[in-house]
Amino acid sequence: TGSINLNIRRNNSLLGNYQLTNQTGSIDSTLTGWNVTLSNDDLIEFYVSQSSTYITDLTFFMDLQSV
């Protein structure tokens, strides 16, 4: 129970937000509205911007593929 908002940044610029509300998992393969272009030396950062007190653990998997 609860919600969490995760901000994903590249080189201090927002790539996108990911929000879970009252769920145990989610998959987003389209990333609608995200800037998904990456370079070899990009720094990827993850920030929890808000979270419910009921959430005590978060696991985030990111699969990067070259096209």
N, C-alpha and C. Protein backbone atom coordinates (compact mmCIF):
# COMPACT_ATOMS: atom_id res chain seq x y z
N THR A 1 0.84 -1.18 0.00
CA THR A 1 0.00 0.00 0.00
C THR A 1 0.88 1.23 0.00
N GLY A 2 0.52 2.22 -0.79
CA GLY A 2 1.27 3.46 -0.83
C GLY A 2 1.72 3.79 -2.24
N SER A 3 2.48 4.86 -2.36
CA SER A 3 2.98 5.26 -3.67
C SER A 3 4.41 5.75 -3.55
N ILE A 4 5.10 5.71 -4.68
CA ILE A 4 6.47 6.21 -4.73
C ILE A 4 6.68 6.82 -6.11
N ASN A 5 7.42 7.91 -6.16
CA ASN A 5 7.74 8.59 -7.41
C ASN A 5 9.25 8.58 -7.58
N LEU A 6 9.72 8.02 -8.68
CA LEU A 6 11.15 7.91 -8.96
C LEU A 6 11.48 8.80 -10.15
N ASN A 7 12.43 9.72 -9.97
CA ASN A 7 12.91 10.56 -11.06
C ASN A 7 14.20 9.95 -11.60
N ILE A 8 14.28 9.78 -12.92
CA ILE A 8 15.48 9.26 -13.55
C ILE A 8 16.09 10.40 -14.36
N ARG A 9 17.37 10.68 -14.07
CA ARG A 9 18.06 11.80 -14.71
C ARG A 9 19.29 11.32 -15.47
N ARG A 10 19.62 12.05 -16.53
CA ARG A 10 20.85 11.82 -17.28
C ARG A 10 21.64 13.12 -17.26
N ASN A 11 22.85 13.07 -16.70
CA ASN A 11 23.70 14.26 -16.63
C ASN A 11 22.94 15.46 -16.06
N ASN A 12 22.18 15.22 -15.01
CA ASN A 12 21.40 16.23 -14.29
C ASN A 12 20.21 16.79 -15.08
N SER A 13 19.84 16.15 -16.18
CA SER A 13 18.64 16.52 -16.93
C SER A 13 17.62 15.39 -16.80
N LEU A 14 16.38 15.74 -16.61
CA LEU A 14 15.33 14.75 -16.39
C LEU A 14 15.08 13.91 -17.64
N LEU A 15 15.22 12.59 -17.50
CA LEU A 15 14.82 11.67 -18.57
C LEU A 15 13.34 11.37 -18.47
N GLY A 16 12.87 11.15 -17.24
CA GLY A 16 11.46 10.86 -17.03
C GLY A 16 11.15 10.52 -15.59
N ASN A 17 9.89 10.39 -15.29
CA ASN A 17 9.40 10.03 -13.96
C ASN A 17 8.74 8.67 -14.04
N TYR A 18 8.85 7.94 -12.97
CA TYR A 18 8.19 6.64 -12.88
C TYR A 18 7.45 6.60 -11.56
N GLN A 19 6.15 6.36 -11.59
CA GLN A 19 5.35 6.37 -10.37
C GLN A 19 4.61 5.05 -10.21
N LEU A 20 4.69 4.50 -9.01
CA LEU A 20 3.93 3.31 -8.64
C LEU A 20 2.95 3.70 -7.55
N THR A 21 1.70 3.29 -7.69
CA THR A 21 0.68 3.57 -6.69
C THR A 21 -0.08 2.28 -6.39
N ASN A 22 0.02 1.85 -5.14
CA ASN A 22 -0.69 0.65 -4.68
C ASN A 22 -0.46 -0.56 -5.59
N GLN A 23 0.78 -0.77 -6.01
CA GLN A 23 1.10 -1.93 -6.82
C GLN A 23 2.47 -2.46 -6.43
N THR A 24 2.72 -3.72 -6.74
CA THR A 24 3.99 -4.33 -6.36
C THR A 24 4.99 -4.33 -7.50
N GLY A 25 4.56 -3.99 -8.70
CA GLY A 25 5.48 -3.96 -9.82
C GLY A 25 4.85 -3.34 -11.04
N SER A 26 5.70 -2.99 -12.00
CA SER A 26 5.22 -2.37 -13.23
C SER A 26 6.30 -2.50 -14.29
N ILE A 27 5.89 -2.61 -15.55
CA ILE A 27 6.83 -2.64 -16.67
C ILE A 27 6.40 -1.56 -17.65
N ASP A 28 7.35 -0.73 -18.08
CA ASP A 28 7.08 0.30 -19.08
C ASP A 28 8.12 0.18 -20.17
N SER A 29 7.74 -0.34 -21.32
CA SER A 29 8.71 -0.53 -22.39
C SER A 29 8.63 0.58 -23.44
N THR A 30 7.64 1.47 -23.35
CA THR A 30 7.51 2.54 -24.34
C THR A 30 8.14 3.85 -23.88
N LEU A 31 8.14 4.12 -22.57
CA LEU A 31 8.71 5.34 -21.99
C LEU A 31 8.19 6.59 -22.70
N THR A 32 6.90 6.69 -22.85
CA THR A 32 6.25 7.81 -23.53
C THR A 32 6.64 9.13 -22.87
N GLY A 33 7.14 10.07 -23.67
CA GLY A 33 7.52 11.38 -23.18
C GLY A 33 8.93 11.45 -22.62
N TRP A 34 9.65 10.35 -22.62
CA TRP A 34 11.01 10.34 -22.09
C TRP A 34 12.01 10.71 -23.19
N ASN A 35 13.11 11.34 -22.79
CA ASN A 35 14.26 11.56 -23.67
C ASN A 35 15.18 10.37 -23.48
N VAL A 36 15.22 9.45 -24.44
CA VAL A 36 15.91 8.18 -24.24
C VAL A 36 17.25 8.07 -24.98
N THR A 37 17.76 9.16 -25.52
CA THR A 37 19.05 9.13 -26.20
C THR A 37 20.17 9.18 -25.17
N LEU A 38 21.08 8.20 -25.23
CA LEU A 38 22.19 8.12 -24.29
C LEU A 38 23.51 8.09 -25.04
N SER A 39 24.57 8.59 -24.39
CA SER A 39 25.92 8.52 -24.91
C SER A 39 26.78 7.65 -23.99
N ASN A 40 27.96 7.27 -24.45
CA ASN A 40 28.82 6.37 -23.69
C ASN A 40 29.15 6.86 -22.29
N ASP A 41 29.38 8.14 -22.12
CA ASP A 41 29.82 8.65 -20.81
C ASP A 41 28.72 9.36 -20.02
N ASP A 42 27.46 9.09 -20.33
CA ASP A 42 26.35 9.68 -19.58
C ASP A 42 26.28 9.13 -18.16
N LEU A 43 25.93 9.97 -17.23
CA LEU A 43 25.71 9.58 -15.84
C LEU A 43 24.20 9.47 -15.62
N ILE A 44 23.73 8.27 -15.22
CA ILE A 44 22.32 8.04 -14.96
C ILE A 44 22.11 8.08 -13.45
N GLU A 45 21.16 8.92 -13.00
CA GLU A 45 20.90 9.10 -11.57
C GLU A 45 19.43 8.79 -11.28
N PHE A 46 19.19 8.27 -10.08
CA PHE A 46 17.84 7.91 -9.65
C PHE A 46 17.54 8.63 -8.34
N TYR A 47 16.41 9.31 -8.28
CA TYR A 47 16.00 10.04 -7.09
C TYR A 47 14.57 9.66 -6.72
N VAL A 48 14.35 9.40 -5.45
CA VAL A 48 12.99 9.21 -4.95
C VAL A 48 12.49 10.58 -4.55
N SER A 49 11.48 11.10 -5.27
CA SER A 49 11.02 12.46 -4.99
C SER A 49 9.89 12.48 -3.96
N GLN A 50 9.15 11.39 -3.85
CA GLN A 50 8.16 11.29 -2.78
C GLN A 50 7.83 9.81 -2.59
N SER A 51 7.56 9.48 -1.35
CA SER A 51 7.29 8.08 -1.03
C SER A 51 6.40 8.00 0.19
N SER A 52 5.56 6.99 0.23
CA SER A 52 4.72 6.72 1.38
C SER A 52 5.55 6.05 2.47
N THR A 53 5.16 6.19 3.70
CA THR A 53 5.89 5.58 4.81
C THR A 53 5.79 4.06 4.79
N TYR A 54 4.85 3.52 4.02
CA TYR A 54 4.68 2.07 3.95
C TYR A 54 5.70 1.41 3.04
N ILE A 55 6.34 2.17 2.17
CA ILE A 55 7.32 1.61 1.24
C ILE A 55 8.70 1.67 1.90
N THR A 56 9.30 0.51 2.09
CA THR A 56 10.60 0.44 2.76
C THR A 56 11.70 -0.07 1.86
N ASP A 57 11.36 -0.59 0.66
CA ASP A 57 12.36 -1.17 -0.22
C ASP A 57 11.93 -0.97 -1.67
N LEU A 58 12.89 -0.65 -2.53
CA LEU A 58 12.60 -0.44 -3.94
C LEU A 58 13.71 -1.07 -4.76
N THR A 59 13.34 -1.86 -5.77
CA THR A 59 14.30 -2.42 -6.71
C THR A 59 13.91 -1.93 -8.10
N PHE A 60 14.86 -1.35 -8.81
CA PHE A 60 14.61 -0.80 -10.14
C PHE A 60 15.57 -1.46 -11.12
N PHE A 61 15.04 -2.07 -12.17
CA PHE A 61 15.85 -2.69 -13.21
C PHE A 61 15.70 -1.89 -14.49
N MET A 62 16.82 -1.63 -15.15
CA MET A 62 16.80 -0.88 -16.39
C MET A 62 17.59 -1.67 -17.43
N ASP A 63 16.94 -1.99 -18.53
CA ASP A 63 17.58 -2.76 -19.60
C ASP A 63 17.90 -1.80 -20.75
N LEU A 64 19.17 -1.60 -21.03
CA LEU A 64 19.59 -0.70 -22.10
C LEU A 64 19.98 -1.52 -23.33
N GLN A 65 19.46 -1.12 -24.48
CA GLN A 65 19.76 -1.84 -25.71
C GLN A 65 20.19 -0.85 -26.78
N SER A 66 21.19 -1.22 -27.54
CA SER A 66 21.65 -0.40 -28.65
C SER A 66 20.80 -0.69 -29.88
N VAL A 67 20.39 0.37 -30.57
CA VAL A 67 19.59 0.17 -31.79
C VAL A 67 20.29 0.77 -32.97
